[in-house]
Amino acid sequence: MSEEIQKWEYRVQTIGSMFGTKDENIEATLNEWGDEGWEVTHVYTPEGSGKVTIVAKRPLTREAIRRRSMPQYNFSGGKT
C-alpha cells in the first residue's frame, strides 16, 4: 500500500508602499486568502521597503493543475 504525497501550491504577494503597510490592509489580505483556503507560512518586510511580503500555501487540487496546464480556458464556462 503506497501513501500519496501531499502536493502544494504557493502564493507570494508583496503589499504596501514605501510609506508603509497599514494593518487593515494586511488583515484584509489575510482574511481573503483564508477564505480561499490559503495558509500563511511566512510574512516578512523586505529591508527598507516599507512593504510586507506574504507567503502562503494550500493543497494542490486537480482543478488547480488543470488551470495551470491550460490557462487559456475559463473552467467555469469555456474558452476566454
C-alpha atoms as a PDB file:
ATOM      1  CA  MET A   1       0.000   0.000   0.000  1.00  0.00           C
ATOM      2  CA  SER A   2       1.567   3.282  -1.098  1.00  0.00           C
ATOM      3  CA  GLU A   3       0.836   6.577   0.561  1.00  0.00           C
ATOM      4  CA  GLU A   4       0.213   9.543  -1.726  1.00  0.00           C
ATOM      5  CA  ILE A   5       2.461  12.535  -1.082  1.00  0.00           C
ATOM      6  CA  GLN A   6       0.657  15.813  -0.408  1.00  0.00           C
ATOM      7  CA  LYS A   7       1.399  18.398  -3.101  1.00  0.00           C
ATOM      8  CA  TRP A   8       1.092  22.141  -2.505  1.00  0.00           C
ATOM      9  CA  GLU A   9       0.580  25.295  -4.477  1.00  0.00           C
ATOM     10  CA  TYR A  10       2.122  28.519  -3.251  1.00  0.00           C
ATOM     11  CA  ARG A  11       1.241  32.180  -3.406  1.00  0.00           C
ATOM     12  CA  VAL A  12       3.551  35.137  -2.792  1.00  0.00           C
ATOM     13  CA  GLN A  13       2.439  38.754  -2.773  1.00  0.00           C
ATOM     14  CA  THR A  14       4.016  41.998  -1.620  1.00  0.00           C
ATOM     15  CA  ILE A  15       1.617  44.677  -0.405  1.00  0.00           C
ATOM     16  CA  GLY A  16       2.043  48.256   0.746  1.00  0.00           C
ATOM     17  CA  SER A  17       4.237  51.099  -0.415  1.00  0.00           C
ATOM     18  CA  MET A  18       7.497  52.758   0.533  1.00  0.00           C
ATOM     19  CA  PHE A  19       5.439  54.699   3.091  1.00  0.00           C
ATOM     20  CA  GLY A  20       4.464  51.515   4.923  1.00  0.00           C
ATOM     21  CA  THR A  21       1.666  48.997   5.103  1.00  0.00           C
ATOM     22  CA  LYS A  22      -1.499  49.554   7.089  1.00  0.00           C
ATOM     23  CA  ASP A  23      -2.552  46.786   9.458  1.00  0.00           C
ATOM     24  CA  GLU A  24      -6.064  46.908   7.976  1.00  0.00           C
ATOM     25  CA  ASN A  25      -4.671  46.092   4.513  1.00  0.00           C
ATOM     26  CA  ILE A  26      -2.652  43.173   5.855  1.00  0.00           C
ATOM     27  CA  GLU A  27      -5.670  41.875   7.762  1.00  0.00           C
ATOM     28  CA  ALA A  28      -7.958  42.196   4.715  1.00  0.00           C
ATOM     29  CA  THR A  29      -5.459  40.291   2.551  1.00  0.00           C
ATOM     30  CA  LEU A  30      -5.049  37.539   5.156  1.00  0.00           C
ATOM     31  CA  ASN A  31      -8.826  37.161   5.587  1.00  0.00           C
ATOM     32  CA  GLU A  32      -9.370  36.991   1.818  1.00  0.00           C
ATOM     33  CA  TRP A  33      -6.664  34.354   1.445  1.00  0.00           C
ATOM     34  CA  GLY A  34      -8.043  32.378   4.399  1.00  0.00           C
ATOM     35  CA  ASP A  35     -11.469  32.309   2.726  1.00  0.00           C
ATOM     36  CA  GLU A  36      -9.767  30.852  -0.371  1.00  0.00           C
ATOM     37  CA  GLY A  37      -8.073  28.112   1.676  1.00  0.00           C
ATOM     38  CA  TRP A  38      -4.580  29.617   1.837  1.00  0.00           C
ATOM     39  CA  GLU A  39      -2.447  29.119   4.951  1.00  0.00           C
ATOM     40  CA  VAL A  40       0.218  31.777   5.527  1.00  0.00           C
ATOM     41  CA  THR A  41       3.659  30.301   6.150  1.00  0.00           C
ATOM     42  CA  HIS A  42       5.820  33.445   6.233  1.00  0.00           C
ATOM     43  CA  VAL A  43       5.437  37.195   6.463  1.00  0.00           C
ATOM     44  CA  TYR A  44       8.433  39.466   6.101  1.00  0.00           C
ATOM     45  CA  THR A  45       9.375  43.028   5.262  1.00  0.00           C
ATOM     46  CA  PRO A  46      11.942  43.442   2.505  1.00  0.00           C
ATOM     47  CA  GLU A  47      14.619  45.652   4.038  1.00  0.00           C
ATOM     48  CA  GLY A  48      13.957  49.363   3.672  1.00  0.00           C
ATOM     49  CA  SER A  49      10.860  48.901   1.504  1.00  0.00           C
ATOM     50  CA  GLY A  50       8.055  49.622   3.979  1.00  0.00           C
ATOM     51  CA  LYS A  51       6.174  46.777   2.263  1.00  0.00           C
ATOM     52  CA  VAL A  52       5.125  43.368   3.576  1.00  0.00           C
ATOM     53  CA  THR A  53       5.615  40.137   1.643  1.00  0.00           C
ATOM     54  CA  ILE A  54       3.231  37.280   2.432  1.00  0.00           C
ATOM     55  CA  VAL A  55       3.932  33.650   1.512  1.00  0.00           C
ATOM     56  CA  ALA A  56       1.128  31.079   1.707  1.00  0.00           C
ATOM     57  CA  LYS A  57       0.330  27.527   0.662  1.00  0.00           C
ATOM     58  CA  ARG A  58      -2.700  25.301   0.169  1.00  0.00           C
ATOM     59  CA  PRO A  59      -3.145  21.717  -1.001  1.00  0.00           C
ATOM     60  CA  LEU A  60      -2.791  21.391  -4.757  1.00  0.00           C
ATOM     61  CA  THR A  61      -6.087  20.302  -6.327  1.00  0.00           C
ATOM     62  CA  ARG A  62      -6.786  18.698  -9.698  1.00  0.00           C
ATOM     63  CA  GLU A  63      -8.636  21.858 -10.703  1.00  0.00           C
ATOM     64  CA  ALA A  64      -5.551  23.990  -9.976  1.00  0.00           C
ATOM     65  CA  ILE A  65      -3.370  21.616 -12.009  1.00  0.00           C
ATOM     66  CA  ARG A  66      -5.841  21.865 -14.932  1.00  0.00           C
ATOM     67  CA  ARG A  67      -5.930  25.671 -14.674  1.00  0.00           C
ATOM     68  CA  ARG A  68      -2.143  25.856 -14.792  1.00  0.00           C
ATOM     69  CA  SER A  69      -1.796  23.469 -17.708  1.00  0.00           C
ATOM     70  CA  MET A  70      -4.459  25.247 -19.816  1.00  0.00           C
ATOM     71  CA  PRO A  71      -4.511  28.920 -18.715  1.00  0.00           C
ATOM     72  CA  GLN A  72      -6.365  29.977 -21.884  1.00  0.00           C
ATOM     73  CA  TYR A  73      -9.522  28.257 -20.613  1.00  0.00           C
ATOM     74  CA  ASN A  74     -12.011  29.557 -18.076  1.00  0.00           C
ATOM     75  CA  PHE A  75     -13.099  26.398 -16.242  1.00  0.00           C
ATOM     76  CA  SER A  76     -16.387  27.909 -15.184  1.00  0.00           C
ATOM     77  CA  GLY A  77     -17.641  28.360 -18.706  1.00  0.00           C
ATOM     78  CA  GLY A  78     -15.371  27.805 -21.690  1.00  0.00           C
ATOM     79  CA  LYS A  79     -12.504  29.433 -23.504  1.00  0.00           C
ATOM     80  CA  THR A  80     -11.517  33.005 -22.585  1.00  0.00           C
END
